[in-house]
Protein backbone atom coordinates (compact mmCIF):
# COMPACT_ATOMS: atom_id res chain seq x y z
CA MET A 1 83.32 89.63 59.87
CA LYS A 2 81.21 92.76 60.17
CA LYS A 3 79.20 91.11 62.71
CA ILE A 4 81.90 90.07 65.02
CA PHE A 5 83.29 93.52 64.71
CA GLY A 6 79.91 95.12 65.65
CA PHE A 7 79.59 92.43 68.48
CA ALA A 8 83.08 93.63 69.90
CA VAL A 9 82.25 97.19 69.86
CA LEU A 10 79.17 96.73 71.59
CA ALA A 11 80.43 94.58 74.22
CA GLY A 12 83.27 97.46 74.53
CA LEU A 13 80.70 99.93 75.15
CA LEU A 14 78.66 97.97 77.67
CA LEU A 15 81.54 96.37 79.62
CA GLY A 16 84.26 99.10 79.50
CA PRO A 17 82.63 101.73 81.74
CA SER A 18 81.89 99.62 84.63
CA ALA A 19 85.69 99.22 84.80
CA ALA A 20 86.55 102.74 84.51
CA TRP A 21 84.00 103.55 87.03
CA ALA A 22 85.24 101.19 89.72
CA LEU A 23 86.08 103.56 92.59
CA PRO A 24 87.71 102.82 95.74
CA VAL A 25 85.74 102.60 98.93
CA PHE A 26 87.19 103.63 102.52
CA SER A 27 85.81 102.62 105.87
CA VAL A 28 87.43 105.28 108.14
CA ASN A 29 86.97 108.28 110.10
CA GLY A 30 84.06 106.65 112.01
CA PHE A 31 82.29 105.59 108.96
CA SER A 32 81.71 101.88 108.07
CA CYS A 33 81.23 100.88 104.40
CA SER A 34 80.58 98.07 102.34
CA LYS A 35 80.34 97.39 98.68
CA LEU A 36 78.29 94.81 96.90
CA GLY A 37 78.96 94.78 93.18
CA VAL A 38 78.43 98.57 92.48
CA SER A 39 76.30 99.13 95.46
CA VAL A 40 78.08 101.21 98.08
CA THR A 41 76.51 101.66 101.70
CA CYS A 42 77.89 103.86 104.23
CA LYS A 43 76.85 104.64 108.18
CA GLY A 44 78.44 106.79 110.29
CA PRO A 45 78.14 109.28 113.32
CA ILE A 46 76.54 112.61 112.88
CA PRO A 47 79.50 114.59 114.49
CA GLY A 48 78.31 116.17 117.68
CA GLY A 49 75.32 114.20 117.64
CA LYS A 50 74.07 110.81 119.11
CA ASP A 51 72.59 109.57 115.71
CA SER A 52 73.77 108.07 112.91
CA LEU A 53 73.28 108.35 109.08
CA THR A 54 73.22 105.57 106.54
CA ALA A 55 73.35 106.16 102.63
CA THR A 56 73.69 103.83 99.50
CA GLY A 57 74.88 104.92 96.47
CA HIS A 58 76.20 103.57 93.07
CA ASN A 59 80.02 103.03 93.20
CA LEU A 60 80.36 105.81 95.85
CA VAL A 61 78.57 107.67 98.51
CA TYR A 62 78.90 111.22 99.82
CA LEU A 63 77.08 111.56 103.33
CA THR A 64 76.21 115.20 103.93
CA MET A 65 75.00 116.39 107.67
CA ASP A 66 74.17 120.15 108.48
CA VAL A 67 74.54 120.83 112.13
CA PHE A 68 74.84 123.67 114.37
CA GLN A 69 77.82 123.64 116.61
CA GLY A 70 78.35 126.80 119.03
CA GLY A 71 75.39 128.38 117.44
CA LEU A 72 76.88 128.32 113.94
CA PRO A 73 75.90 126.27 111.21
CA THR A 74 78.41 123.33 110.14
CA ARG A 75 78.20 120.75 107.36
CA TYR A 76 80.02 117.58 107.45
CA THR A 77 80.59 115.70 104.46
CA TYR A 78 82.05 112.01 104.18
CA PHE A 79 83.52 111.00 100.78
CA SER A 80 83.58 107.11 100.43
CA ASP A 81 85.94 107.49 97.45
CA THR A 82 88.78 109.16 99.48
CA GLY A 83 87.69 108.28 103.09
CA CYS A 84 87.83 112.15 103.77
CA LEU A 85 85.61 113.81 106.48
CA VAL A 86 85.26 117.52 106.05
CA GLY A 87 83.90 120.26 108.17
CA TYR A 88 82.88 123.50 106.61
CA THR A 89 82.33 126.80 108.15
CA PHE A 90 80.15 129.35 106.36
CA GLY A 91 80.12 133.33 106.20
CA THR A 92 77.54 135.80 106.66
CA GLU A 93 76.49 134.98 102.99
CA GLY A 94 75.79 131.49 103.66
CA LYS A 95 78.90 130.22 101.32
CA PRO A 96 81.68 128.07 102.81
CA ILE A 97 84.64 130.02 103.91
CA SER A 98 86.71 127.34 105.54
CA ALA A 99 87.21 123.64 105.90
CA VAL A 100 88.91 121.25 107.89
CA ALA A 101 89.66 117.95 106.43
CA VAL A 102 90.33 114.64 108.13
CA HIS A 103 92.35 112.37 105.71
CA ARG A 104 91.74 108.54 105.82
CA SER A 105 95.25 108.18 107.46
CA GLY A 106 93.69 110.39 110.35
CA GLN A 107 95.76 113.69 109.60
CA LYS A 108 94.07 117.12 109.51
CA ALA A 109 94.40 120.20 107.32
CA SER A 110 92.75 123.29 107.34
CA PHE A 111 91.73 125.08 103.86
CA ASP A 112 90.54 128.58 103.34
CA ILE A 113 87.82 128.38 100.32
CA LYS A 114 87.80 131.38 98.01
CA ASN A 115 85.70 131.80 95.12
CA GLU A 116 84.21 128.23 96.20
CA ASN A 117 87.59 126.73 94.95
CA TYR A 118 88.08 123.48 96.54
CA ASP A 119 90.96 122.10 94.53
CA GLN A 120 93.61 122.10 97.38
CA MET A 121 91.44 120.20 99.66
CA ILE A 122 90.37 117.80 97.11
CA ALA A 123 93.98 117.14 96.25
CA TYR A 124 94.92 116.57 99.83
CA CYS A 125 91.82 114.08 100.28
CA GLU A 126 93.05 111.97 97.29
CA ARG A 127 96.75 111.87 98.09
CA GLU A 128 98.08 108.61 99.66
CA LEU A 129 99.66 109.70 102.90
CA PRO A 130 101.93 107.54 105.25
CA GLY A 131 99.38 105.49 107.53
CA SER A 132 96.88 105.49 104.77
CA PRO A 133 94.66 102.46 105.08
CA LYS A 134 93.59 100.34 101.86
CA PRO A 135 90.15 100.40 100.28
CA ILE A 136 87.77 97.67 101.32
CA GLY A 137 87.57 94.62 98.98
CA VAL A 138 84.52 94.49 96.53
CA THR A 139 82.23 91.71 97.63
CA ALA A 140 80.82 89.95 94.37
CA ALA A 141 77.01 89.88 94.18
CA PRO A 142 75.62 86.84 95.65
CA ALA A 143 75.61 84.14 93.09
CA ALA A 144 72.50 82.35 92.19
CA PRO A 145 72.08 78.93 93.71
CA ALA A 146 73.28 76.18 91.47
CA PRO A 147 70.55 73.97 89.66
CA LYS A 148 70.16 70.77 91.26
CA PRO A 149 70.96 67.92 88.77
CA ALA A 150 67.92 66.30 87.40
CA THR A 151 67.57 63.01 88.48
CA ALA A 152 66.60 60.10 85.97
CA PRO A 153 63.71 58.42 86.71
CA PRO A 154 64.31 54.73 87.79
CA ALA A 155 64.80 52.29 85.02
CA ALA A 156 61.93 49.96 84.16
CA PRO A 157 62.43 46.55 85.16
CA ALA A 158 63.69 44.18 82.43
CA VAL A 159 60.80 42.14 80.71
CA LYS A 160 61.45 38.43 80.22
CA LYS A 161 60.44 37.00 76.97
């Protein structure tokens, strides 16, 4: 009985966290994402640029790009688990002072960032708004090909006596 209980606890520890960490993945705001098992890959445009950026992560991807727009440093971050694309502007001390978030539904909202508090922006990105697309489906890891059935050698001819 102790062995069965020990096995059940071990299986729960090994298998439980993987289900708890299963995060949604969104392909929105110009970013195309895919999920294979627990690997997430996203590719998208660098805002204001002609190039694109690709990243792969475990259960989620945060793509961050630093660009200059109008001579000012601007940082964009795409979050695969919410589908939010956020553009940050910086103050003279080099810290973010405001952000514009484009929700996965396409709606925009502006946020003042005081004391590095991002709570309102995070809550906005996590909300379910009208017109929000559903997350992409999870693609199972490719299965190993099934083994071919063994063929029996041809039967030996019968011997007459």
